[in-house]
PDB file of N, CA and C in Angstrom:
ATOM      1  N   THR A   1      91.496  85.081 133.777  1.00  0.00           N
ATOM      2  CA  THR A   1      90.496  85.010 132.725  1.00  0.00           C
ATOM      3  C   THR A   1      90.998  85.791 131.519  1.00  0.00           C
ATOM      4  N   LEU A   2      90.873  85.183 130.367  1.00  0.00           N
ATOM      5  CA  LEU A   2      91.272  85.827 129.119  1.00  0.00           C
ATOM      6  C   LEU A   2      90.033  86.009 128.257  1.00  0.00           C
ATOM      7  N   HIS A   3      89.769  87.245 127.842  1.00  0.00           N
ATOM      8  CA  HIS A   3      88.662  87.541 126.938  1.00  0.00           C
ATOM      9  C   HIS A   3      89.238  87.812 125.559  1.00  0.00           C
ATOM     10  N   ILE A   4      88.705  87.133 124.557  1.00  0.00           N
ATOM     11  CA  ILE A   4      89.125  87.288 123.167  1.00  0.00           C
ATOM     12  C   ILE A   4      87.895  87.666 122.357  1.00  0.00           C
ATOM     13  N   GLU A   5      88.007  88.706 121.538  1.00  0.00           N
ATOM     14  CA  GLU A   5      86.911  89.065 120.629  1.00  0.00           C
ATOM     15  C   GLU A   5      87.354  88.767 119.215  1.00  0.00           C
ATOM     16  N   SER A   6      86.587  87.968 118.524  1.00  0.00           N
ATOM     17  CA  SER A   6      86.924  87.585 117.158  1.00  0.00           C
ATOM     18  C   SER A   6      86.580  88.696 116.184  1.00  0.00           C
ATOM     19  N   ILE A   7      87.571  89.088 115.427  1.00  0.00           N
ATOM     20  CA  ILE A   7      87.385  90.039 114.336  1.00  0.00           C
ATOM     21  C   ILE A   7      88.007  89.374 113.126  1.00  0.00           C
ATOM     22  N   THR A   8      87.170  88.898 112.228  1.00  0.00           N
ATOM     23  CA  THR A   8      87.700  88.159 111.090  1.00  0.00           C
ATOM     24  C   THR A   8      87.907  89.072 109.899  1.00  0.00           C
ATOM     25  N   GLU A   9      88.967  88.797 109.186  1.00  0.00           N
ATOM     26  CA  GLU A   9      89.246  89.499 107.941  1.00  0.00           C
ATOM     27  C   GLU A   9      89.921  88.495 107.010  1.00  0.00           C
ATOM     28  N   ARG A  10      89.718  88.695 105.752  1.00  0.00           N
ATOM     29  CA  ARG A  10      90.283  87.784 104.765  1.00  0.00           C
ATOM     30  C   ARG A  10      91.735  88.173 104.494  1.00  0.00           C
ATOM     31  N   THR A  11      92.632  87.235 104.816  1.00  0.00           N
ATOM     32  CA  THR A  11      94.049  87.498 104.576  1.00  0.00           C
ATOM     33  C   THR A  11      94.615  86.553 103.533  1.00  0.00           C
ATOM     34  N   GLY A  12      93.933  85.427 103.319  1.00  0.00           N
ATOM     35  CA  GLY A  12      94.435  84.439 102.380  1.00  0.00           C
ATOM     36  C   GLY A  12      95.566  83.606 102.948  1.00  0.00           C
ATOM     37  N   LYS A  13      95.878  83.786 104.226  1.00  0.00           N
ATOM     38  CA  LYS A  13      96.969  83.052 104.855  1.00  0.00           C
ATOM     39  C   LYS A  13      96.465  81.730 105.415  1.00  0.00           C
ATOM     40  N   ASN A  14      97.389  80.782 105.551  1.00  0.00           N
ATOM     41  CA  ASN A  14      97.078  79.490 106.137  1.00  0.00           C
ATOM     42  C   ASN A  14      97.154  79.622 107.653  1.00  0.00           C
ATOM     43  N   HIS A  15      96.019  79.791 108.301  1.00  0.00           N
ATOM     44  CA  HIS A  15      95.986  80.006 109.738  1.00  0.00           C
ATOM     45  C   HIS A  15      96.426  78.769 110.514  1.00  0.00           C
ATOM     46  N   ALA A  16      96.146  77.587 109.979  1.00  0.00           N
ATOM     47  CA  ALA A  16      96.543  76.362 110.672  1.00  0.00           C
ATOM     48  C   ALA A  16      98.057  76.330 110.835  1.00  0.00           C
ATOM     49  N   LYS A  17      98.777  76.645 109.794  1.00  0.00           N
ATOM     50  CA  LYS A  17     100.243  76.633 109.853  1.00  0.00           C
ATOM     51  C   LYS A  17     100.749  77.677 110.846  1.00  0.00           C
ATOM     52  N   PHE A  18     100.173  78.869 110.835  1.00  0.00           N
ATOM     53  CA  PHE A  18     100.575  79.927 111.759  1.00  0.00           C
ATOM     54  C   PHE A  18     100.458  79.461 113.207  1.00  0.00           C
ATOM     55  N   TRP A  19      99.281  78.916 113.586  1.00  0.00           N
ATOM     56  CA  TRP A  19      99.056  78.510 114.966  1.00  0.00           C
ATOM     57  C   TRP A  19      99.886  77.291 115.339  1.00  0.00           C
ATOM     58  N   GLN A  20     100.201  76.404 114.391  1.00  0.00           N
ATOM     59  CA  GLN A  20     101.029  75.234 114.684  1.00  0.00           C
ATOM     60  C   GLN A  20     102.474  75.630 114.924  1.00  0.00           C
ATOM     61  N   GLU A  21     102.947  76.670 114.253  1.00  0.00           N
ATOM     62  CA  GLU A  21     104.341  77.085 114.370  1.00  0.00           C
ATOM     63  C   GLU A  21     104.580  78.082 115.500  1.00  0.00           C
ATOM     64  N   LEU A  22     103.529  78.661 116.053  1.00  0.00           N
ATOM     65  CA  LEU A  22     103.668  79.658 117.105  1.00  0.00           C
ATOM     66  C   LEU A  22     104.180  78.994 118.381  1.00  0.00           C
ATOM     67  N   PRO A  23     105.233  79.532 118.976  1.00  0.00           N
ATOM     68  CA  PRO A  23     105.721  78.942 120.235  1.00  0.00           C
ATOM     69  C   PRO A  23     104.722  79.181 121.366  1.00  0.00           C
ATOM     70  N   THR A  24     104.894  78.446 122.436  1.00  0.00           N
ATOM     71  CA  THR A  24     104.012  78.581 123.585  1.00  0.00           C
ATOM     72  C   THR A  24     104.160  79.950 124.219  1.00  0.00           C
ATOM     73  N   VAL A  25     103.045  80.559 124.533  1.00  0.00           N
ATOM     74  CA  VAL A  25     103.009  81.837 125.238  1.00  0.00           C
ATOM     75  C   VAL A  25     102.864  81.490 126.719  1.00  0.00           C
ATOM     76  N   GLU A  26     103.819  81.909 127.527  1.00  0.00           N
ATOM     77  CA  GLU A  26     103.873  81.479 128.931  1.00  0.00           C
ATOM     78  C   GLU A  26     102.594  81.768 129.713  1.00  0.00           C
ATOM     79  N   CYS A  27     102.017  82.951 129.561  1.00  0.00           N
ATOM     80  CA  CYS A  27     100.811  83.264 130.337  1.00  0.00           C
ATOM     81  C   CYS A  27      99.636  82.370 129.929  1.00  0.00           C
ATOM     82  N   ILE A  28      99.559  82.005 128.657  1.00  0.00           N
ATOM     83  CA  ILE A  28      98.495  81.084 128.216  1.00  0.00           C
ATOM     84  C   ILE A  28      98.774  79.689 128.746  1.00  0.00           C
ATOM     85  N   LYS A  29     100.009  79.294 128.710  1.00  0.00           N
ATOM     86  CA  LYS A  29     100.389  77.951 129.159  1.00  0.00           C
ATOM     87  C   LYS A  29     100.095  77.729 130.643  1.00  0.00           C
ATOM     88  N   SER A  30     100.451  78.675 131.476  1.00  0.00           N
ATOM     89  CA  SER A  30     100.423  78.379 132.907  1.00  0.00           C
ATOM     90  C   SER A  30      99.527  79.273 133.770  1.00  0.00           C
ATOM     91  N   HIS A  31      98.825  80.237 133.197  1.00  0.00           N
ATOM     92  CA  HIS A  31      98.038  81.139 134.032  1.00  0.00           C
ATOM     93  C   HIS A  31      96.553  81.231 133.676  1.00  0.00           C
ATOM     94  N   VAL A  32      96.191  81.043 132.433  1.00  0.00           N
ATOM     95  CA  VAL A  32      94.793  81.219 132.021  1.00  0.00           C
ATOM     96  C   VAL A  32      93.951  80.032 132.498  1.00  0.00           C
ATOM     97  N   LYS A  33      92.958  80.343 133.334  1.00  0.00           N
ATOM     98  CA  LYS A  33      92.069  79.305 133.854  1.00  0.00           C
ATOM     99  C   LYS A  33      90.686  79.354 133.208  1.00  0.00           C
ATOM    100  N   LYS A  34      90.317  80.546 132.750  1.00  0.00           N
ATOM    101  CA  LYS A  34      89.010  80.706 132.101  1.00  0.00           C
ATOM    102  C   LYS A  34      89.212  81.592 130.881  1.00  0.00           C
ATOM    103  N   MET A  35      88.586  81.198 129.766  1.00  0.00           N
ATOM    104  CA  MET A  35      88.666  81.995 128.556  1.00  0.00           C
ATOM    105  C   MET A  35      87.262  82.197 128.005  1.00  0.00           C
ATOM    106  N   VAL A  36      86.981  83.426 127.598  1.00  0.00           N
ATOM    107  CA  VAL A  36      85.700  83.765 126.974  1.00  0.00           C
ATOM    108  C   VAL A  36      86.012  84.213 125.550  1.00  0.00           C
ATOM    109  N   PHE A  37      85.510  83.457 124.585  1.00  0.00           N
ATOM    110  CA  PHE A  37      85.732  83.763 123.168  1.00  0.00           C
ATOM    111  C   PHE A  37      84.473  84.425 122.629  1.00  0.00           C
ATOM    112  N   HIS A  38      84.548  85.732 122.396  1.00  0.00           N
ATOM    113  CA  HIS A  38      83.398  86.531 121.963  1.00  0.00           C
ATOM    114  C   HIS A  38      83.236  86.504 120.440  1.00  0.00           C
ATOM    115  N   LYS A  39      81.983  86.510 120.001  1.00  0.00           N
ATOM    116  CA  LYS A  39      81.604  86.669 118.590  1.00  0.00           C
ATOM    117  C   LYS A  39      82.129  85.558 117.675  1.00  0.00           C
ATOM    118  N   TYR A  40      82.028  84.319 118.134  1.00  0.00           N
ATOM    119  CA  TYR A  40      82.424  83.166 117.322  1.00  0.00           C
ATOM    120  C   TYR A  40      81.511  83.051 116.110  1.00  0.00           C
ATOM    121  N   ARG A  41      82.109  82.949 114.927  1.00  0.00           N
ATOM    122  CA  ARG A  41      81.355  82.879 113.668  1.00  0.00           C
ATOM    123  C   ARG A  41      81.466  81.520 112.982  1.00  0.00           C
ATOM    124  N   GLY A  42      82.331  80.671 113.486  1.00  0.00           N
ATOM    125  CA  GLY A  42      82.525  79.365 112.851  1.00  0.00           C
ATOM    126  C   GLY A  42      83.549  79.404 111.730  1.00  0.00           C
ATOM    127  N   LYS A  43      84.388  80.426 111.704  1.00  0.00           N
ATOM    128  CA  LYS A  43      85.420  80.546 110.663  1.00  0.00           C
ATOM    129  C   LYS A  43      86.605  79.635 110.977  1.00  0.00           C
ATOM    130  N   ARG A  44      87.303  79.226 109.939  1.00  0.00           N
ATOM    131  CA  ARG A  44      88.456  78.339 110.107  1.00  0.00           C
ATOM    132  C   ARG A  44      89.527  78.968 110.997  1.00  0.00           C
ATOM    133  N   SER A  45      89.783  80.256 110.825  1.00  0.00           N
ATOM    134  CA  SER A  45      90.809  80.930 111.629  1.00  0.00           C
ATOM    135  C   SER A  45      90.462  80.885 113.116  1.00  0.00           C
ATOM    136  N   GLU A  46      89.185  81.009 113.446  1.00  0.00           N
ATOM    137  CA  GLU A  46      88.760  80.938 114.844  1.00  0.00           C
ATOM    138  C   GLU A  46      88.975  79.540 115.405  1.00  0.00           C
ATOM    139  N   LEU A  47      88.610  78.549 114.626  1.00  0.00           N
ATOM    140  CA  LEU A  47      88.775  77.168 115.055  1.00  0.00           C
ATOM    141  C   LEU A  47      90.254  76.824 115.257  1.00  0.00           C
ATOM    142  N   GLU A  48      91.099  77.299 114.363  1.00  0.00           N
ATOM    143  CA  GLU A  48      92.539  77.036 114.505  1.00  0.00           C
ATOM    144  C   GLU A  48      93.091  77.705 115.760  1.00  0.00           C
ATOM    145  N   PHE A  49      92.621  78.901 116.074  1.00  0.00           N
ATOM    146  CA  PHE A  49      93.040  79.558 117.306  1.00  0.00           C
ATOM    147  C   PHE A  49      92.604  78.743 118.520  1.00  0.00           C
ATOM    148  N   LEU A  50      91.358  78.263 118.527  1.00  0.00           N
ATOM    149  CA  LEU A  50      90.869  77.473 119.651  1.00  0.00           C
ATOM    150  C   LEU A  50      91.634  76.160 119.780  1.00  0.00           C
ATOM    151  N   LYS A  51      92.047  75.572 118.668  1.00  0.00           N
ATOM    152  CA  LYS A  51      92.887  74.365 118.727  1.00  0.00           C
ATOM    153  C   LYS A  51      94.231  74.683 119.366  1.00  0.00           C
ATOM    154  N   PHE A  52      94.802  75.843 119.015  1.00  0.00           N
ATOM    155  CA  PHE A  52      96.060  76.278 119.622  1.00  0.00           C
ATOM    156  C   PHE A  52      95.895  76.373 121.139  1.00  0.00           C
ATOM    157  N   ILE A  53      94.823  77.012 121.576  1.00  0.00           N
ATOM    158  CA  ILE A  53      94.552  77.157 123.007  1.00  0.00           C
ATOM    159  C   ILE A  53      94.418  75.786 123.657  1.00  0.00           C
ATOM    160  N   SER A  54      93.712  74.871 123.011  1.00  0.00           N
ATOM    161  CA  SER A  54      93.484  73.549 123.590  1.00  0.00           C
ATOM    162  C   SER A  54      94.793  72.778 123.786  1.00  0.00           C
ATOM    163  N   ARG A  55      95.748  72.988 122.896  1.00  0.00           N
ATOM    164  CA  ARG A  55      97.027  72.283 122.998  1.00  0.00           C
ATOM    165  C   ARG A  55      97.981  72.940 123.988  1.00  0.00           C
ATOM    166  N   LYS A  56      97.836  74.235 124.223  1.00  0.00           N
ATOM    167  CA  LYS A  56      98.832  74.981 124.993  1.00  0.00           C
ATOM    168  C   LYS A  56      98.411  75.369 126.413  1.00  0.00           C
ATOM    169  N   ALA A  57      97.130  75.628 126.628  1.00  0.00           N
ATOM    170  CA  ALA A  57      96.673  76.148 127.927  1.00  0.00           C
ATOM    171  C   ALA A  57      96.528  75.012 128.938  1.00  0.00           C
ATOM    172  N   GLN A  58      97.557  74.798 129.723  1.00  0.00           N
ATOM    173  CA  GLN A  58      97.600  73.676 130.657  1.00  0.00           C
ATOM    174  C   GLN A  58      96.731  73.868 131.895  1.00  0.00           C
ATOM    175  N   GLU A  59      96.380  75.095 132.217  1.00  0.00           N
ATOM    176  CA  GLU A  59      95.579  75.382 133.412  1.00  0.00           C
ATOM    177  C   GLU A  59      94.126  75.720 133.089  1.00  0.00           C
ATOM    178  N   LEU A  60      93.782  75.705 131.814  1.00  0.00           N
ATOM    179  CA  LEU A  60      92.431  76.101 131.408  1.00  0.00           C
ATOM    180  C   LEU A  60      91.390  75.145 131.978  1.00  0.00           C
ATOM    181  N   GLN A  61      90.409  75.720 132.671  1.00  0.00           N
ATOM    182  CA  GLN A  61      89.346  74.924 133.276  1.00  0.00           C
ATOM    183  C   GLN A  61      88.038  75.043 132.508  1.00  0.00           C
ATOM    184  N   THR A  62      87.753  76.255 131.981  1.00  0.00           N
ATOM    185  CA  THR A  62      86.501  76.482 131.269  1.00  0.00           C
ATOM    186  C   THR A  62      86.731  77.388 130.072  1.00  0.00           C
ATOM    187  N   LEU A  63      86.193  76.979 128.940  1.00  0.00           N
ATOM    188  CA  LEU A  63      86.221  77.778 127.716  1.00  0.00           C
ATOM    189  C   LEU A  63      84.779  78.097 127.347  1.00  0.00           C
ATOM    190  N   TYR A  64      84.459  79.392 127.343  1.00  0.00           N
ATOM    191  CA  TYR A  64      83.126  79.850 126.943  1.00  0.00           C
ATOM    192  C   TYR A  64      83.224  80.368 125.516  1.00  0.00           C
ATOM    193  N   VAL A  65      82.396  79.840 124.635  1.00  0.00           N
ATOM    194  CA  VAL A  65      82.357  80.286 123.248  1.00  0.00           C
ATOM    195  C   VAL A  65      81.004  80.952 123.042  1.00  0.00           C
ATOM    196  N   LEU A  66      81.030  82.272 122.820  1.00  0.00           N
ATOM    197  CA  LEU A  66      79.802  83.038 122.638  1.00  0.00           C
ATOM    198  C   LEU A  66      79.562  83.244 121.149  1.00  0.00           C
ATOM    199  N   LEU A  67      78.433  82.748 120.666  1.00  0.00           N
ATOM    200  CA  LEU A  67      78.111  82.830 119.249  1.00  0.00           C
ATOM    201  C   LEU A  67      77.802  84.264 118.835  1.00  0.00           C
ATOM    202  N   ASN A  68      78.210  84.621 117.641  1.00  0.00           N
ATOM    203  CA  ASN A  68      77.983  85.951 117.093  1.00  0.00           C
ATOM    204  C   ASN A  68      76.531  86.085 116.635  1.00  0.00           C
ATOM    205  N   ARG A  69      75.853  87.097 117.122  1.00  0.00           N
ATOM    206  CA  ARG A  69      74.428  87.304 116.814  1.00  0.00           C
ATOM    207  C   ARG A  69      74.177  87.439 115.308  1.00  0.00           C
ATOM    208  N   GLN A  70      75.012  88.191 114.602  1.00  0.00           N
ATOM    209  CA  GLN A  70      74.811  88.431 113.172  1.00  0.00           C
ATOM    210  C   GLN A  70      75.007  87.167 112.338  1.00  0.00           C
ATOM    211  N   SER A  71      75.700  86.179 112.875  1.00  0.00           N
ATOM    212  CA  SER A  71      75.925  84.943 112.132  1.00  0.00           C
ATOM    213  C   SER A  71      74.800  83.929 112.315  1.00  0.00           C
ATOM    214  N   LEU A  72      73.890  84.194 113.233  1.00  0.00           N
ATOM    215  CA  LEU A  72      72.808  83.256 113.526  1.00  0.00           C
ATOM    216  C   LEU A  72      71.564  83.588 112.719  1.00  0.00           C
ATOM    217  N   THR A  73      71.669  83.445 111.423  1.00  0.00           N
ATOM    218  CA  THR A  73      70.552  83.801 110.552  1.00  0.00           C
ATOM    219  C   THR A  73      69.510  82.694 110.441  1.00  0.00           C
ATOM    220  N   SER A  74      69.878  81.479 110.860  1.00  0.00           N
ATOM    221  CA  SER A  74      68.941  80.364 110.813  1.00  0.00           C
ATOM    222  C   SER A  74      69.394  79.282 111.787  1.00  0.00           C
ATOM    223  N   VAL A  75      68.493  78.343 112.062  1.00  0.00           N
ATOM    224  CA  VAL A  75      68.847  77.206 112.912  1.00  0.00           C
ATOM    225  C   VAL A  75      69.949  76.390 112.240  1.00  0.00           C
ATOM    226  N   ALA A  76      69.889  76.262 110.923  1.00  0.00           N
ATOM    227  CA  ALA A  76      70.906  75.516 110.185  1.00  0.00           C
ATOM    228  C   ALA A  76      72.289  76.150 110.348  1.00  0.00           C
ATOM    229  N   LYS A  77      72.346  77.471 110.295  1.00  0.00           N
ATOM    230  CA  LYS A  77      73.615  78.180 110.462  1.00  0.00           C
ATOM    231  C   LYS A  77      74.159  77.985 111.874  1.00  0.00           C
ATOM    232  N   GLN A  78      73.277  78.048 112.871  1.00  0.00           N
ATOM    233  CA  GLN A  78      73.703  77.836 114.250  1.00  0.00           C
ATOM    234  C   GLN A  78      74.228  76.408 114.431  1.00  0.00           C
ATOM    235  N   THR A  79      73.551  75.448 113.846  1.00  0.00           N
ATOM    236  CA  THR A  79      73.985  74.057 113.922  1.00  0.00           C
ATOM    237  C   THR A  79      75.337  73.878 113.252  1.00  0.00           C
ATOM    238  N   GLU A  80      75.529  74.528 112.115  1.00  0.00           N
ATOM    239  CA  GLU A  80      76.806  74.467 111.406  1.00  0.00           C
ATOM    240  C   GLU A  80      77.929  75.059 112.257  1.00  0.00           C
ATOM    241  N   MET A  81      77.671  76.218 112.860  1.00  0.00           N
ATOM    242  CA  MET A  81      78.689  76.886 113.677  1.00  0.00           C
ATOM    243  C   MET A  81      79.093  76.034 114.878  1.00  0.00           C
ATOM    244  N   THR A  82      78.121  75.517 115.587  1.00  0.00           N
ATOM    245  CA  THR A  82      78.439  74.704 116.762  1.00  0.00           C
ATOM    246  C   THR A  82      79.016  73.361 116.362  1.00  0.00           C
ATOM    247  N   GLY A  83      78.590  72.841 115.215  1.00  0.00           N
ATOM    248  CA  GLY A  83      79.119  71.572 114.728  1.00  0.00           C
ATOM    249  C   GLY A  83      80.616  71.625 114.466  1.00  0.00           C
ATOM    250  N   LYS A  84      81.090  72.765 114.014  1.00  0.00           N
ATOM    251  CA  LYS A  84      82.525  72.913 113.769  1.00  0.00           C
ATOM    252  C   LYS A  84      83.335  72.819 115.052  1.00  0.00           C
ATOM    253  N   LEU A  85      82.711  73.156 116.157  1.00  0.00           N
ATOM    254  CA  LEU A  85      83.409  73.057 117.444  1.00  0.00           C
ATOM    255  C   LEU A  85      83.665  71.609 117.848  1.00  0.00           C
ATOM    256  N   VAL A  86      82.959  70.680 117.235  1.00  0.00           N
ATOM    257  CA  VAL A  86      83.185  69.257 117.518  1.00  0.00           C
ATOM    258  C   VAL A  86      84.629  68.876 117.193  1.00  0.00           C
ATOM    259  N   ALA A  87      85.234  69.575 116.237  1.00  0.00           N
ATOM    260  CA  ALA A  87      86.630  69.301 115.883  1.00  0.00           C
ATOM    261  C   ALA A  87      87.557  69.480 117.084  1.00  0.00           C
ATOM    262  N   LEU A  88      87.148  70.279 118.048  1.00  0.00           N
ATOM    263  CA  LEU A  88      87.975  70.454 119.247  1.00  0.00           C
ATOM    264  C   LEU A  88      88.069  69.177 120.066  1.00  0.00           C
ATOM    265  N   SER A  89      87.078  68.304 119.947  1.00  0.00           N
ATOM    266  CA  SER A  89      87.127  67.044 120.691  1.00  0.00           C
ATOM    267  C   SER A  89      88.168  66.085 120.105  1.00  0.00           C
ATOM    268  N   GLU A  90      88.598  66.356 118.881  1.00  0.00           N
ATOM    269  CA  GLU A  90      89.600  65.510 118.234  1.00  0.00           C
ATOM    270  C   GLU A  90      91.030  65.938 118.562  1.00  0.00           C
ATOM    271  N   VAL A  91      91.178  67.078 119.222  1.00  0.00           N
ATOM    272  CA  VAL A  91      92.493  67.609 119.570  1.00  0.00           C
ATOM    273  C   VAL A  91      92.916  67.030 120.917  1.00  0.00           C
ATOM    274  N   ALA A  92      94.193  66.723 121.059  1.00  0.00           N
ATOM    275  CA  ALA A  92      94.721  66.252 122.339  1.00  0.00           C
ATOM    276  C   ALA A  92      94.871  67.466 123.266  1.00  0.00           C
ATOM    277  N   TRP A  93      93.929  67.636 124.182  1.00  0.00           N
ATOM    278  CA  TRP A  93      93.936  68.768 125.108  1.00  0.00           C
ATOM    279  C   TRP A  93      95.055  68.604 126.123  1.00  0.00           C
ATOM    280  N   SER A  94      95.636  69.712 126.520  1.00  0.00           N
ATOM    281  CA  SER A  94      96.699  69.685 127.524  1.00  0.00           C
ATOM    282  C   SER A  94      96.135  69.736 128.941  1.00  0.00           C
ATOM    283  N   CYS A  95      94.810  69.790 129.064  1.00  0.00           N
ATOM    284  CA  CYS A  95      94.171  69.901 130.370  1.00  0.00           C
ATOM    285  C   CYS A  95      92.763  69.317 130.303  1.00  0.00           C
ATOM    286  N   ASP A  96      92.130  69.253 131.461  1.00  0.00           N
ATOM    287  CA  ASP A  96      90.738  68.817 131.533  1.00  0.00           C
ATOM    288  C   ASP A  96      89.876  70.079 131.553  1.00  0.00           C
ATOM    289  N   CYS A  97      89.272  70.404 130.432  1.00  0.00           N
ATOM    290  CA  CYS A  97      88.581  71.680 130.270  1.00  0.00           C
ATOM    291  C   CYS A  97      87.133  71.452 129.844  1.00  0.00           C
ATOM    292  N   LYS A  98      86.227  72.230 130.440  1.00  0.00           N
ATOM    293  CA  LYS A  98      84.822  72.222 130.034  1.00  0.00           C
ATOM    294  C   LYS A  98      84.636  73.283 128.954  1.00  0.00           C
ATOM    295  N   ILE A  99      83.872  72.945 127.926  1.00  0.00           N
ATOM    296  CA  ILE A  99      83.557  73.908 126.867  1.00  0.00           C
ATOM    297  C   ILE A  99      82.067  74.203 126.941  1.00  0.00           C
ATOM    298  N   MET A 100      81.742  75.489 126.988  1.00  0.00           N
ATOM    299  CA  MET A 100      80.343  75.905 127.002  1.00  0.00           C
ATOM    300  C   MET A 100      80.095  76.811 125.805  1.00  0.00           C
ATOM    301  N   VAL A 101      79.167  76.412 124.950  1.00  0.00           N
ATOM    302  CA  VAL A 101      78.781  77.220 123.793  1.00  0.00           C
ATOM    303  C   VAL A 101      77.505  77.963 124.181  1.00  0.00           C
ATOM    304  N   LEU A 102      77.564  79.305 124.112  1.00  0.00           N
ATOM    305  CA  LEU A 102      76.456  80.128 124.575  1.00  0.00           C
ATOM    306  C   LEU A 102      75.939  81.023 123.459  1.00  0.00           C
ATOM    307  N   GLY A 103      74.666  81.302 123.486  1.00  0.00           N
ATOM    308  CA  GLY A 103      74.046  82.164 122.492  1.00  0.00           C
ATOM    309  C   GLY A 103      74.344  83.633 122.747  1.00  0.00           C
ATOM    310  N   PRO A 104      73.915  84.483 121.829  1.00  0.00           N
ATOM    311  CA  PRO A 104      74.215  85.917 121.916  1.00  0.00           C
ATOM    312  C   PRO A 104      73.599  86.621 123.116  1.00  0.00           C
ATOM    313  N   GLU A 105      72.616  86.021 123.762  1.00  0.00           N
ATOM    314  CA  GLU A 105      72.018  86.672 124.928  1.00  0.00           C
ATOM    315  C   GLU A 105      73.012  86.814 126.080  1.00  0.00           C
ATOM    316  N   PHE A 106      74.122  86.095 126.027  1.00  0.00           N
ATOM    317  CA  PHE A 106      75.147  86.195 127.062  1.00  0.00           C
ATOM    318  C   PHE A 106      76.176  87.281 126.756  1.00  0.00           C
ATOM    319  N   GLN A 107      76.093  87.909 125.584  1.00  0.00           N
ATOM    320  CA  GLN A 107      77.066  88.932 125.205  1.00  0.00           C
ATOM    321  C   GLN A 107      77.092  90.092 126.186  1.00  0.00           C
ATOM    322  N   SER A 108      75.938  90.481 126.733  1.00  0.00           N
ATOM    323  CA  SER A 108      75.929  91.621 127.643  1.00  0.00           C
ATOM    324  C   SER A 108      76.584  91.274 128.982  1.00  0.00           C
ATOM    325  N   LYS A 109      76.386  90.051 129.458  1.00  0.00           N
ATOM    326  CA  LYS A 109      76.999  89.636 130.715  1.00  0.00           C
ATOM    327  C   LYS A 109      78.510  89.481 130.563  1.00  0.00           C
ATOM    328  N   TRP A 110      78.955  88.963 129.439  1.00  0.00           N
ATOM    329  CA  TRP A 110      80.362  88.679 129.206  1.00  0.00           C
ATOM    330  C   TRP A 110      80.933  89.684 128.202  1.00  0.00           C
ATOM    331  N   SER A 111      80.731  90.950 128.417  1.00  0.00           N
ATOM    332  CA  SER A 111      81.140  91.937 127.425  1.00  0.00           C
ATOM    333  C   SER A 111      82.621  92.279 127.528  1.00  0.00           C
ATOM    334  N   ILE A 112      83.185  92.626 126.386  1.00  0.00           N
ATOM    335  CA  ILE A 112      84.574  93.074 126.326  1.00  0.00           C
ATOM    336  C   ILE A 112      84.724  94.371 127.120  1.00  0.00           C
ATOM    337  N   GLN A 113      83.717  95.229 127.081  1.00  0.00           N
ATOM    338  CA  GLN A 113      83.786  96.492 127.799  1.00  0.00           C
ATOM    339  C   GLN A 113      83.925  96.258 129.308  1.00  0.00           C
ATOM    340  N   LYS A 114      83.163  95.307 129.844  1.00  0.00           N
ATOM    341  CA  LYS A 114      83.272  94.989 131.272  1.00  0.00           C
ATOM    342  C   LYS A 114      84.641  94.386 131.581  1.00  0.00           C
ATOM    343  N   ALA A 115      85.129  93.534 130.704  1.00  0.00           N
ATOM    344  CA  ALA A 115      86.409  92.873 130.933  1.00  0.00           C
ATOM    345  C   ALA A 115      87.573  93.845 130.905  1.00  0.00           C
ATOM    346  N   SER A 116      87.427  94.942 130.183  1.00  0.00           N
ATOM    347  CA  SER A 116      88.524  95.908 130.071  1.00  0.00           C
ATOM    348  C   SER A 116      88.342  97.125 130.974  1.00  0.00           C
ATOM    349  N   ASP A 117      87.401  97.071 131.889  1.00  0.00           N
ATOM    350  CA  ASP A 117      87.155  98.172 132.816  1.00  0.00           C
ATOM    351  C   ASP A 117      88.196  98.148 133.937  1.00  0.00           C
ATOM    352  N   LEU A 118      89.138  99.058 133.907  1.00  0.00           N
ATOM    353  CA  LEU A 118      90.222  99.084 134.882  1.00  0.00           C
ATOM    354  C   LEU A 118      89.865  99.828 136.167  1.00  0.00           C
ATOM    355  N   THR A 119      88.623 100.275 136.282  1.00  0.00           N
ATOM    356  CA  THR A 119      88.212 100.978 137.493  1.00  0.00           C
ATOM    357  C   THR A 119      87.731 100.028 138.589  1.00  0.00           C
ATOM    358  N   VAL A 120      87.602  98.758 138.271  1.00  0.00           N
ATOM    359  CA  VAL A 120      87.180  97.773 139.273  1.00  0.00           C
ATOM    360  C   VAL A 120      88.371  96.904 139.651  1.00  0.00           C
ATOM    361  N   ASP A 121      88.312  96.303 140.839  1.00  0.00           N
ATOM    362  CA  ASP A 121      89.429  95.500 141.323  1.00  0.00           C
ATOM    363  C   ASP A 121      89.731  94.307 140.413  1.00  0.00           C
ATOM    364  N   ASP A 122      88.700  93.595 140.018  1.00  0.00           N
ATOM    365  CA  ASP A 122      88.905  92.416 139.180  1.00  0.00           C
ATOM    366  C   ASP A 122      87.838  92.379 138.096  1.00  0.00           C
ATOM    367  N   PRO A 123      88.091  93.033 136.957  1.00  0.00           N
ATOM    368  CA  PRO A 123      87.084  93.098 135.895  1.00  0.00           C
ATOM    369  C   PRO A 123      86.822  91.751 135.223  1.00  0.00           C
ATOM    370  N   PHE A 124      87.657  90.763 135.490  1.00  0.00           N
ATOM    371  CA  PHE A 124      87.484  89.465 134.856  1.00  0.00           C
ATOM    372  C   PHE A 124      86.685  88.496 135.713  1.00  0.00           C
ATOM    373  N   HIS A 125      86.405  88.875 136.929  1.00  0.00           N
ATOM    374  CA  HIS A 125      85.690  87.969 137.822  1.00  0.00           C
ATOM    375  C   HIS A 125      84.210  88.339 137.904  1.00  0.00           C
ATOM    376  N   TYR A 126      83.439  87.811 136.975  1.00  0.00           N
ATOM    377  CA  TYR A 126      81.994  87.985 136.974  1.00  0.00           C
ATOM    378  C   TYR A 126      81.368  86.878 136.191  1.00  0.00           C
TER     379      TYR A 126
END
């Protein structure tokens, strides 16, 4: 399981080009079966990263996209954010993967703090 927390910052760089030119990362290609993407805001850089994952992660079975609470200021904003994820259906996936878009109420269950807790045998299995 791979947990990713989105932290967006304005760089002015073309993220699409960066992710298209990045070589395959072996652990993403052949080991990641579940990915939890925390604090999705609907930004282009986030979408380009998810497209990279869709093309490269051959073993990915489930992708959980957790919406960022601060970005959900209205139903229209939530619809816009989730609507951008439709672009992932246009990408040629390297695997058969389920995508689940979840609201902020799941942030506590799927927290980065729990995922990085090294005092438990398997902090990613919950």
